[in-house]
Amino acid sequence: LDYMQLHICPCAPAPVQLVKWGLFPCLPVYPALAVSLDMLEFVSTLFVHLAPNETAWADALTSFLARQGHVFEAQ
């Protein structure tokens, strides 16, 4: 677990600061937990590629990483 300390004021609410750091706050006011936006994107990609076979996870991961700039050659 990583912890971060926020300095909250009316001009910089916690959710706004978290989103700028690439995190999705769990609550709109005083969030105690935030999830990586990249991880949320990966999970949504997984559900798009979800199939009743063992390659769904690998296809979703390959697609997600390709959008991040990491391209793998198929063998």
PDB file of N, CA and C in Angstrom:
ATOM      1  N   LEU A   1       0.827  -1.185   0.000  1.00  0.00           N
ATOM      2  CA  LEU A   1       0.000   0.000   0.000  1.00  0.00           C
ATOM      3  C   LEU A   1       0.867   1.243   0.000  1.00  0.00           C
ATOM      4  N   ASP A   2       0.453   2.210  -0.759  1.00  0.00           N
ATOM      5  CA  ASP A   2       1.111   3.507  -0.745  1.00  0.00           C
ATOM      6  C   ASP A   2       0.166   4.513  -0.103  1.00  0.00           C
ATOM      7  N   TYR A   3       0.740   5.396   0.664  1.00  0.00           N
ATOM      8  CA  TYR A   3      -0.054   6.430   1.311  1.00  0.00           C
ATOM      9  C   TYR A   3       0.407   7.787   0.797  1.00  0.00           C
ATOM     10  N   MET A   4      -0.513   8.702   0.652  1.00  0.00           N
ATOM     11  CA  MET A   4      -0.174  10.055   0.249  1.00  0.00           C
ATOM     12  C   MET A   4      -0.903  11.030   1.154  1.00  0.00           C
ATOM     13  N   GLN A   5      -0.262  12.126   1.369  1.00  0.00           N
ATOM     14  CA  GLN A   5      -0.872  13.153   2.206  1.00  0.00           C
ATOM     15  C   GLN A   5      -1.317  14.292   1.300  1.00  0.00           C
ATOM     16  N   LEU A   6      -2.578  14.679   1.437  1.00  0.00           N
ATOM     17  CA  LEU A   6      -3.137  15.756   0.635  1.00  0.00           C
ATOM     18  C   LEU A   6      -3.300  17.007   1.492  1.00  0.00           C
ATOM     19  N   HIS A   7      -3.054  18.133   0.889  1.00  0.00           N
ATOM     20  CA  HIS A   7      -3.320  19.415   1.539  1.00  0.00           C
ATOM     21  C   HIS A   7      -4.570  19.978   0.875  1.00  0.00           C
ATOM     22  N   ILE A   8      -5.680  19.824   1.550  1.00  0.00           N
ATOM     23  CA  ILE A   8      -6.982  20.145   0.970  1.00  0.00           C
ATOM     24  C   ILE A   8      -7.395  21.564   1.331  1.00  0.00           C
ATOM     25  N   CYS A   9      -7.876  22.265   0.321  1.00  0.00           N
ATOM     26  CA  CYS A   9      -8.433  23.594   0.534  1.00  0.00           C
ATOM     27  C   CYS A   9      -9.558  23.771  -0.487  1.00  0.00           C
ATOM     28  N   PRO A  10     -10.376  24.809  -0.360  1.00  0.00           N
ATOM     29  CA  PRO A  10     -11.473  25.008  -1.316  1.00  0.00           C
ATOM     30  C   PRO A  10     -10.999  25.118  -2.772  1.00  0.00           C
ATOM     31  N   CYS A  11      -9.789  25.608  -2.969  1.00  0.00           N
ATOM     32  CA  CYS A  11      -9.289  25.759  -4.338  1.00  0.00           C
ATOM     33  C   CYS A  11      -8.670  24.473  -4.881  1.00  0.00           C
ATOM     34  N   ALA A  12      -8.426  23.470  -4.022  1.00  0.00           N
ATOM     35  CA  ALA A  12      -7.837  22.198  -4.451  1.00  0.00           C
ATOM     36  C   ALA A  12      -8.450  21.050  -3.653  1.00  0.00           C
ATOM     37  N   PRO A  13      -9.700  20.682  -3.965  1.00  0.00           N
ATOM     38  CA  PRO A  13     -10.339  19.582  -3.246  1.00  0.00           C
ATOM     39  C   PRO A  13      -9.622  18.246  -3.519  1.00  0.00           C
ATOM     40  N   ALA A  14      -9.753  17.321  -2.594  1.00  0.00           N
ATOM     41  CA  ALA A  14      -9.067  16.038  -2.694  1.00  0.00           C
ATOM     42  C   ALA A  14      -9.358  15.293  -3.999  1.00  0.00           C
ATOM     43  N   PRO A  15     -10.623  15.170  -4.432  1.00  0.00           N
ATOM     44  CA  PRO A  15     -10.874  14.430  -5.675  1.00  0.00           C
ATOM     45  C   PRO A  15     -10.163  15.032  -6.886  1.00  0.00           C
ATOM     46  N   VAL A  16     -10.093  16.334  -6.960  1.00  0.00           N
ATOM     47  CA  VAL A  16      -9.419  16.987  -8.088  1.00  0.00           C
ATOM     48  C   VAL A  16      -7.928  16.660  -8.065  1.00  0.00           C
ATOM     49  N   GLN A  17      -7.311  16.718  -6.894  1.00  0.00           N
ATOM     50  CA  GLN A  17      -5.893  16.394  -6.779  1.00  0.00           C
ATOM     51  C   GLN A  17      -5.620  14.935  -7.164  1.00  0.00           C
ATOM     52  N   LEU A  18      -6.482  14.030  -6.704  1.00  0.00           N
ATOM     53  CA  LEU A  18      -6.297  12.615  -7.003  1.00  0.00           C
ATOM     54  C   LEU A  18      -6.407  12.337  -8.497  1.00  0.00           C
ATOM     55  N   VAL A  19      -7.387  12.931  -9.157  1.00  0.00           N
ATOM     56  CA  VAL A  19      -7.551  12.723 -10.599  1.00  0.00           C
ATOM     57  C   VAL A  19      -6.340  13.258 -11.355  1.00  0.00           C
ATOM     58  N   LYS A  20      -5.775  14.379 -10.926  1.00  0.00           N
ATOM     59  CA  LYS A  20      -4.566  14.911 -11.567  1.00  0.00           C
ATOM     60  C   LYS A  20      -3.402  13.944 -11.445  1.00  0.00           C
ATOM     61  N   TRP A  21      -3.385  13.134 -10.374  1.00  0.00           N
ATOM     62  CA  TRP A  21      -2.324  12.142 -10.168  1.00  0.00           C
ATOM     63  C   TRP A  21      -2.659  10.796 -10.800  1.00  0.00           C
ATOM     64  N   GLY A  22      -3.755  10.729 -11.562  1.00  0.00           N
ATOM     65  CA  GLY A  22      -4.121   9.488 -12.240  1.00  0.00           C
ATOM     66  C   GLY A  22      -4.848   8.493 -11.355  1.00  0.00           C
ATOM     67  N   LEU A  23      -5.533   8.998 -10.328  1.00  0.00           N
ATOM     68  CA  LEU A  23      -6.261   8.138  -9.407  1.00  0.00           C
ATOM     69  C   LEU A  23      -7.742   8.499  -9.403  1.00  0.00           C
ATOM     70  N   PHE A  24      -8.590   7.503  -9.220  1.00  0.00           N
ATOM     71  CA  PHE A  24     -10.027   7.719  -9.150  1.00  0.00           C
ATOM     72  C   PHE A  24     -10.451   7.650  -7.691  1.00  0.00           C
ATOM     73  N   PRO A  25     -10.980   8.755  -7.133  1.00  0.00           N
ATOM     74  CA  PRO A  25     -11.367   8.751  -5.713  1.00  0.00           C
ATOM     75  C   PRO A  25     -12.599   7.879  -5.468  1.00  0.00           C
ATOM     76  N   CYS A  26     -12.612   7.202  -4.306  1.00  0.00           N
ATOM     77  CA  CYS A  26     -13.738   6.324  -3.995  1.00  0.00           C
ATOM     78  C   CYS A  26     -14.957   7.104  -3.503  1.00  0.00           C
ATOM     79  N   LEU A  27     -14.760   8.334  -3.039  1.00  0.00           N
ATOM     80  CA  LEU A  27     -15.858   9.182  -2.579  1.00  0.00           C
ATOM     81  C   LEU A  27     -15.668  10.594  -3.140  1.00  0.00           C
ATOM     82  N   PRO A  28     -16.759  11.314  -3.372  1.00  0.00           N
ATOM     83  CA  PRO A  28     -16.622  12.665  -3.917  1.00  0.00           C
ATOM     84  C   PRO A  28     -16.092  13.679  -2.904  1.00  0.00           C
ATOM     85  N   VAL A  29     -16.211  13.377  -1.616  1.00  0.00           N
ATOM     86  CA  VAL A  29     -15.714  14.283  -0.574  1.00  0.00           C
ATOM     87  C   VAL A  29     -14.898  13.458   0.418  1.00  0.00           C
ATOM     88  N   TYR A  30     -13.702  13.885   0.743  1.00  0.00           N
ATOM     89  CA  TYR A  30     -12.810  13.218   1.700  1.00  0.00           C
ATOM     90  C   TYR A  30     -12.613  11.732   1.396  1.00  0.00           C
ATOM     91  N   PRO A  31     -12.154  11.397   0.215  1.00  0.00           N
ATOM     92  CA  PRO A  31     -11.939   9.981  -0.111  1.00  0.00           C
ATOM     93  C   PRO A  31     -10.794   9.390   0.707  1.00  0.00           C
ATOM     94  N   ALA A  32     -10.991   8.186   1.192  1.00  0.00           N
ATOM     95  CA  ALA A  32      -9.956   7.484   1.939  1.00  0.00           C
ATOM     96  C   ALA A  32      -9.249   6.460   1.063  1.00  0.00           C
ATOM     97  N   LEU A  33      -9.780   6.226  -0.126  1.00  0.00           N
ATOM     98  CA  LEU A  33      -9.240   5.233  -1.037  1.00  0.00           C
ATOM     99  C   LEU A  33      -9.344   5.768  -2.455  1.00  0.00           C
ATOM    100  N   ALA A  34      -8.329   5.481  -3.260  1.00  0.00           N
ATOM    101  CA  ALA A  34      -8.358   5.856  -4.675  1.00  0.00           C
ATOM    102  C   ALA A  34      -7.772   4.695  -5.477  1.00  0.00           C
ATOM    103  N   VAL A  35      -8.277   4.508  -6.688  1.00  0.00           N
ATOM    104  CA  VAL A  35      -7.855   3.419  -7.555  1.00  0.00           C
ATOM    105  C   VAL A  35      -7.207   4.015  -8.799  1.00  0.00           C
ATOM    106  N   SER A  36      -6.159   3.370  -9.269  1.00  0.00           N
ATOM    107  CA  SER A  36      -5.457   3.821 -10.467  1.00  0.00           C
ATOM    108  C   SER A  36      -6.411   3.864 -11.669  1.00  0.00           C
ATOM    109  N   LEU A  37      -6.399   4.965 -12.390  1.00  0.00           N
ATOM    110  CA  LEU A  37      -7.208   5.068 -13.607  1.00  0.00           C
ATOM    111  C   LEU A  37      -6.742   4.065 -14.654  1.00  0.00           C
ATOM    112  N   ASP A  38      -5.439   3.785 -14.693  1.00  0.00           N
ATOM    113  CA  ASP A  38      -4.923   2.772 -15.610  1.00  0.00           C
ATOM    114  C   ASP A  38      -5.499   1.403 -15.289  1.00  0.00           C
ATOM    115  N   MET A  39      -5.603   1.068 -13.998  1.00  0.00           N
ATOM    116  CA  MET A  39      -6.170  -0.225 -13.612  1.00  0.00           C
ATOM    117  C   MET A  39      -7.649  -0.292 -13.972  1.00  0.00           C
ATOM    118  N   LEU A  40      -8.385   0.809 -13.783  1.00  0.00           N
ATOM    119  CA  LEU A  40      -9.792   0.828 -14.178  1.00  0.00           C
ATOM    120  C   LEU A  40      -9.940   0.645 -15.684  1.00  0.00           C
ATOM    121  N   GLU A  41      -9.037   1.251 -16.453  1.00  0.00           N
ATOM    122  CA  GLU A  41      -9.064   1.070 -17.911  1.00  0.00           C
ATOM    123  C   GLU A  41      -8.784  -0.385 -18.275  1.00  0.00           C
ATOM    124  N   PHE A  42      -7.822  -1.000 -17.574  1.00  0.00           N
ATOM    125  CA  PHE A  42      -7.514  -2.403 -17.843  1.00  0.00           C
ATOM    126  C   PHE A  42      -8.726  -3.296 -17.579  1.00  0.00           C
ATOM    127  N   VAL A  43      -9.401  -3.083 -16.459  1.00  0.00           N
ATOM    128  CA  VAL A  43     -10.562  -3.907 -16.117  1.00  0.00           C
ATOM    129  C   VAL A  43     -11.671  -3.731 -17.151  1.00  0.00           C
ATOM    130  N   SER A  44     -11.886  -2.496 -17.609  1.00  0.00           N
ATOM    131  CA  SER A  44     -12.927  -2.300 -18.632  1.00  0.00           C
ATOM    132  C   SER A  44     -12.519  -2.990 -19.933  1.00  0.00           C
ATOM    133  N   THR A  45     -11.229  -2.983 -20.264  1.00  0.00           N
ATOM    134  CA  THR A  45     -10.743  -3.694 -21.455  1.00  0.00           C
ATOM    135  C   THR A  45     -10.939  -5.192 -21.281  1.00  0.00           C
ATOM    136  N   LEU A  46     -10.681  -5.701 -20.088  1.00  0.00           N
ATOM    137  CA  LEU A  46     -10.870  -7.122 -19.823  1.00  0.00           C
ATOM    138  C   LEU A  46     -12.319  -7.528 -20.079  1.00  0.00           C
ATOM    139  N   PHE A  47     -13.281  -6.730 -19.625  1.00  0.00           N
ATOM    140  CA  PHE A  47     -14.680  -7.078 -19.831  1.00  0.00           C
ATOM    141  C   PHE A  47     -15.083  -7.007 -21.299  1.00  0.00           C
ATOM    142  N   VAL A  48     -14.446  -6.127 -22.077  1.00  0.00           N
ATOM    143  CA  VAL A  48     -14.736  -6.075 -23.517  1.00  0.00           C
ATOM    144  C   VAL A  48     -14.256  -7.356 -24.190  1.00  0.00           C
ATOM    145  N   HIS A  49     -13.101  -7.854 -23.749  1.00  0.00           N
ATOM    146  CA  HIS A  49     -12.503  -9.032 -24.373  1.00  0.00           C
ATOM    147  C   HIS A  49     -12.875 -10.346 -23.687  1.00  0.00           C
ATOM    148  N   LEU A  50     -13.673 -10.260 -22.654  1.00  0.00           N
ATOM    149  CA  LEU A  50     -13.990 -11.452 -21.890  1.00  0.00           C
ATOM    150  C   LEU A  50     -14.701 -12.476 -22.758  1.00  0.00           C
ATOM    151  N   ALA A  51     -14.191 -13.664 -22.724  1.00  0.00           N
ATOM    152  CA  ALA A  51     -14.778 -14.772 -23.471  1.00  0.00           C
ATOM    153  C   ALA A  51     -14.656 -16.023 -22.608  1.00  0.00           C
ATOM    154  N   PRO A  52     -15.472 -17.008 -22.871  1.00  0.00           N
ATOM    155  CA  PRO A  52     -15.403 -18.226 -22.046  1.00  0.00           C
ATOM    156  C   PRO A  52     -14.235 -19.132 -22.454  1.00  0.00           C
ATOM    157  N   ASN A  53     -13.039 -18.558 -22.497  1.00  0.00           N
ATOM    158  CA  ASN A  53     -11.856 -19.366 -22.797  1.00  0.00           C
ATOM    159  C   ASN A  53     -10.650 -18.804 -22.055  1.00  0.00           C
ATOM    160  N   GLU A  54      -9.535 -19.473 -22.144  1.00  0.00           N
ATOM    161  CA  GLU A  54      -8.361 -19.085 -21.365  1.00  0.00           C
ATOM    162  C   GLU A  54      -7.573 -17.929 -21.964  1.00  0.00           C
ATOM    163  N   THR A  55      -7.922 -17.442 -23.146  1.00  0.00           N
ATOM    164  CA  THR A  55      -7.149 -16.371 -23.773  1.00  0.00           C
ATOM    165  C   THR A  55      -7.728 -14.974 -23.531  1.00  0.00           C
ATOM    166  N   ALA A  56      -8.852 -14.858 -22.854  1.00  0.00           N
ATOM    167  CA  ALA A  56      -9.480 -13.546 -22.653  1.00  0.00           C
ATOM    168  C   ALA A  56      -8.564 -12.607 -21.895  1.00  0.00           C
ATOM    169  N   TRP A  57      -7.966 -13.095 -20.827  1.00  0.00           N
ATOM    170  CA  TRP A  57      -7.089 -12.243 -20.016  1.00  0.00           C
ATOM    171  C   TRP A  57      -5.877 -11.804 -20.828  1.00  0.00           C
ATOM    172  N   ALA A  58      -5.276 -12.712 -21.579  1.00  0.00           N
ATOM    173  CA  ALA A  58      -4.098 -12.377 -22.383  1.00  0.00           C
ATOM    174  C   ALA A  58      -4.452 -11.381 -23.482  1.00  0.00           C
ATOM    175  N   ASP A  59      -5.591 -11.547 -24.133  1.00  0.00           N
ATOM    176  CA  ASP A  59      -6.018 -10.600 -25.176  1.00  0.00           C
ATOM    177  C   ASP A  59      -6.272  -9.214 -24.596  1.00  0.00           C
ATOM    178  N   ALA A  60      -6.925  -9.159 -23.438  1.00  0.00           N
ATOM    179  CA  ALA A  60      -7.202  -7.866 -22.805  1.00  0.00           C
ATOM    180  C   ALA A  60      -5.907  -7.185 -22.389  1.00  0.00           C
ATOM    181  N   LEU A  61      -4.987  -7.949 -21.815  1.00  0.00           N
ATOM    182  CA  LEU A  61      -3.709  -7.379 -21.383  1.00  0.00           C
ATOM    183  C   LEU A  61      -2.905  -6.876 -22.576  1.00  0.00           C
ATOM    184  N   THR A  62      -2.863  -7.637 -23.647  1.00  0.00           N
ATOM    185  CA  THR A  62      -2.139  -7.221 -24.850  1.00  0.00           C
ATOM    186  C   THR A  62      -2.734  -5.949 -25.432  1.00  0.00           C
ATOM    187  N   SER A  63      -4.051  -5.869 -25.503  1.00  0.00           N
ATOM    188  CA  SER A  63      -4.733  -4.686 -26.031  1.00  0.00           C
ATOM    189  C   SER A  63      -4.481  -3.465 -25.150  1.00  0.00           C
ATOM    190  N   PHE A  64      -4.601  -3.649 -23.839  1.00  0.00           N
ATOM    191  CA  PHE A  64      -4.378  -2.560 -22.899  1.00  0.00           C
ATOM    192  C   PHE A  64      -2.943  -2.039 -22.996  1.00  0.00           C
ATOM    193  N   LEU A  65      -1.979  -2.938 -22.997  1.00  0.00           N
ATOM    194  CA  LEU A  65      -0.575  -2.526 -23.068  1.00  0.00           C
ATOM    195  C   LEU A  65      -0.243  -1.886 -24.409  1.00  0.00           C
ATOM    196  N   ALA A  66      -0.885  -2.324 -25.481  1.00  0.00           N
ATOM    197  CA  ALA A  66      -0.649  -1.706 -26.797  1.00  0.00           C
ATOM    198  C   ALA A  66      -1.083  -0.250 -26.789  1.00  0.00           C
ATOM    199  N   ARG A  67      -2.213   0.058 -26.131  1.00  0.00           N
ATOM    200  CA  ARG A  67      -2.663   1.448 -26.031  1.00  0.00           C
ATOM    201  C   ARG A  67      -1.732   2.272 -25.155  1.00  0.00           C
ATOM    202  N   GLN A  68      -0.972   1.609 -24.284  1.00  0.00           N
ATOM    203  CA  GLN A  68       0.004   2.291 -23.446  1.00  0.00           C
ATOM    204  C   GLN A  68       1.357   2.458 -24.164  1.00  0.00           C
ATOM    205  N   GLY A  69       1.457   1.906 -25.376  1.00  0.00           N
ATOM    206  CA  GLY A  69       2.695   2.023 -26.155  1.00  0.00           C
ATOM    207  C   GLY A  69       3.593   0.797 -26.078  1.00  0.00           C
ATOM    208  N   HIS A  70       3.136  -0.277 -25.466  1.00  0.00           N
ATOM    209  CA  HIS A  70       3.938  -1.496 -25.342  1.00  0.00           C
ATOM    210  C   HIS A  70       3.361  -2.543 -26.297  1.00  0.00           C
ATOM    211  N   VAL A  71       3.988  -2.709 -27.451  1.00  0.00           N
ATOM    212  CA  VAL A  71       3.463  -3.608 -28.471  1.00  0.00           C
ATOM    213  C   VAL A  71       4.259  -4.918 -28.452  1.00  0.00           C
ATOM    214  N   PHE A  72       3.560  -6.026 -28.486  1.00  0.00           N
ATOM    215  CA  PHE A  72       4.177  -7.348 -28.488  1.00  0.00           C
ATOM    216  C   PHE A  72       3.924  -7.994 -29.840  1.00  0.00           C
ATOM    217  N   GLU A  73       4.933  -8.704 -30.343  1.00  0.00           N
ATOM    218  CA  GLU A  73       4.768  -9.428 -31.604  1.00  0.00           C
ATOM    219  C   GLU A  73       4.242 -10.821 -31.295  1.00  0.00           C
ATOM    220  N   ALA A  74       3.240 -11.240 -32.054  1.00  0.00           N
ATOM    221  CA  ALA A  74       2.664 -12.560 -31.881  1.00  0.00           C
ATOM    222  C   ALA A  74       3.629 -13.605 -32.441  1.00  0.00           C
ATOM    223  N   GLN A  75       3.645 -14.759 -31.802  1.00  0.00           N
ATOM    224  CA  GLN A  75       4.517 -15.832 -32.286  1.00  0.00           C
ATOM    225  C   GLN A  75       3.713 -17.030 -32.672  1.00  0.00           C
TER     226      GLN A  75
END
